[in-house]
């Protein structure tokens, strides 16, 4: 993104309410998770839901989170 476009984007975002910015951030997070999940499934077509969750955690956080008794 060039500097002029970046400045315009920042100006637009600053005019939005905190609630709107949070919604945008959460929507972007969901999109990133869907893309990461699709990539994992593409690389591992027969992956179980439990394994998918572990791979997704590793990809997003850089390590597997130690959840006990978590459901899929």
C-alpha atoms as a PDB file:
ATOM      1  CA  UNK A   1       0.000   0.000   0.000  1.00  0.00           C
ATOM      2  CA  UNK A   2       1.464   3.338  -0.968  1.00  0.00           C
ATOM      3  CA  UNK A   3       1.694   6.160   1.594  1.00  0.00           C
ATOM      4  CA  UNK A   4      -1.201   8.167   0.123  1.00  0.00           C
ATOM      5  CA  UNK A   5      -3.550   5.169   0.213  1.00  0.00           C
ATOM      6  CA  UNK A   6      -2.385   4.226   3.691  1.00  0.00           C
ATOM      7  CA  UNK A   7      -3.047   7.753   4.986  1.00  0.00           C
ATOM      8  CA  UNK A   8      -6.528   7.750   3.460  1.00  0.00           C
ATOM      9  CA  UNK A   9      -7.287   4.356   5.019  1.00  0.00           C
ATOM     10  CA  UNK A  10      -6.098   5.551   8.443  1.00  0.00           C
ATOM     11  CA  UNK A  11      -8.203   8.719   8.142  1.00  0.00           C
ATOM     12  CA  UNK A  12     -11.291   6.657   7.257  1.00  0.00           C
ATOM     13  CA  UNK A  13     -10.703   4.275  10.156  1.00  0.00           C
ATOM     14  CA  UNK A  14     -10.193   7.129  12.627  1.00  0.00           C
ATOM     15  CA  UNK A  15     -13.604   8.545  11.694  1.00  0.00           C
ATOM     16  CA  UNK A  16     -15.304   5.265  12.544  1.00  0.00           C
ATOM     17  CA  UNK A  17     -16.623   4.583  16.015  1.00  0.00           C
ATOM     18  CA  UNK A  18     -14.748   2.251  18.336  1.00  0.00           C
ATOM     19  CA  UNK A  19     -17.572  -0.256  17.930  1.00  0.00           C
ATOM     20  CA  UNK A  20     -17.235  -0.169  14.131  1.00  0.00           C
ATOM     21  CA  UNK A  21     -13.448  -0.602  14.309  1.00  0.00           C
ATOM     22  CA  UNK A  22     -13.849  -3.538  16.674  1.00  0.00           C
ATOM     23  CA  UNK A  23     -16.394  -5.168  14.346  1.00  0.00           C
ATOM     24  CA  UNK A  24     -14.016  -4.728  11.394  1.00  0.00           C
ATOM     25  CA  UNK A  25     -11.169  -6.265  13.409  1.00  0.00           C
ATOM     26  CA  UNK A  26     -13.305  -9.233  14.461  1.00  0.00           C
ATOM     27  CA  UNK A  27     -14.497  -9.784  10.881  1.00  0.00           C
ATOM     28  CA  UNK A  28     -10.889  -9.717   9.654  1.00  0.00           C
ATOM     29  CA  UNK A  29      -9.925 -12.208  12.369  1.00  0.00           C
ATOM     30  CA  UNK A  30     -12.702 -14.572  11.250  1.00  0.00           C
ATOM     31  CA  UNK A  31     -11.529 -14.268   7.647  1.00  0.00           C
ATOM     32  CA  UNK A  32      -7.920 -15.035   8.589  1.00  0.00           C
ATOM     33  CA  UNK A  33      -9.033 -18.093  10.566  1.00  0.00           C
ATOM     34  CA  UNK A  34     -11.125 -19.363   7.640  1.00  0.00           C
ATOM     35  CA  UNK A  35      -8.195 -18.917   5.254  1.00  0.00           C
ATOM     36  CA  UNK A  36      -5.810 -20.675   7.642  1.00  0.00           C
ATOM     37  CA  UNK A  37      -8.301 -23.510   8.160  1.00  0.00           C
ATOM     38  CA  UNK A  38      -8.765 -23.931   4.407  1.00  0.00           C
ATOM     39  CA  UNK A  39      -4.993 -24.091   3.928  1.00  0.00           C
ATOM     40  CA  UNK A  40      -4.628 -26.744   6.618  1.00  0.00           C
ATOM     41  CA  UNK A  41      -7.470 -28.806   5.131  1.00  0.00           C
ATOM     42  CA  UNK A  42      -5.904 -28.482   1.683  1.00  0.00           C
ATOM     43  CA  UNK A  43      -2.586 -29.809   2.994  1.00  0.00           C
ATOM     44  CA  UNK A  44      -4.284 -32.508   5.118  1.00  0.00           C
ATOM     45  CA  UNK A  45      -7.479 -33.634   3.329  1.00  0.00           C
ATOM     46  CA  UNK A  46      -8.345 -36.371   5.853  1.00  0.00           C
ATOM     47  CA  UNK A  47      -7.655 -34.347   9.001  1.00  0.00           C
ATOM     48  CA  UNK A  48      -9.944 -34.919  11.984  1.00  0.00           C
ATOM     49  CA  UNK A  49     -11.685 -31.958  13.655  1.00  0.00           C
ATOM     50  CA  UNK A  50      -9.436 -32.394  16.716  1.00  0.00           C
ATOM     51  CA  UNK A  51      -6.264 -32.404  14.607  1.00  0.00           C
ATOM     52  CA  UNK A  52      -7.543 -29.425  12.616  1.00  0.00           C
ATOM     53  CA  UNK A  53      -8.043 -27.462  15.828  1.00  0.00           C
ATOM     54  CA  UNK A  54      -4.490 -28.309  16.960  1.00  0.00           C
ATOM     55  CA  UNK A  55      -2.995 -27.326  13.583  1.00  0.00           C
ATOM     56  CA  UNK A  56      -4.990 -24.092  13.543  1.00  0.00           C
ATOM     57  CA  UNK A  57      -3.817 -23.180  17.054  1.00  0.00           C
ATOM     58  CA  UNK A  58      -0.229 -23.908  16.052  1.00  0.00           C
ATOM     59  CA  UNK A  59      -0.537 -21.782  12.904  1.00  0.00           C
ATOM     60  CA  UNK A  60      -2.240 -18.839  14.635  1.00  0.00           C
ATOM     61  CA  UNK A  61      -0.389 -18.786  17.960  1.00  0.00           C
ATOM     62  CA  UNK A  62       2.878 -20.506  17.038  1.00  0.00           C
ATOM     63  CA  UNK A  63       2.306 -23.311  19.538  1.00  0.00           C
ATOM     64  CA  UNK A  64      -0.430 -25.703  20.646  1.00  0.00           C
ATOM     65  CA  UNK A  65      -2.478 -24.422  23.547  1.00  0.00           C
ATOM     66  CA  UNK A  66      -2.815 -26.858  26.440  1.00  0.00           C
ATOM     67  CA  UNK A  67      -6.603 -27.210  26.515  1.00  0.00           C
ATOM     68  CA  UNK A  68      -7.924 -30.159  28.458  1.00  0.00           C
ATOM     69  CA  UNK A  69     -11.261 -31.798  27.717  1.00  0.00           C
ATOM     70  CA  UNK A  70     -12.039 -29.282  24.979  1.00  0.00           C
ATOM     71  CA  UNK A  71     -14.659 -30.338  22.481  1.00  0.00           C
ATOM     72  CA  UNK A  72     -14.031 -30.062  18.754  1.00  0.00           C
END
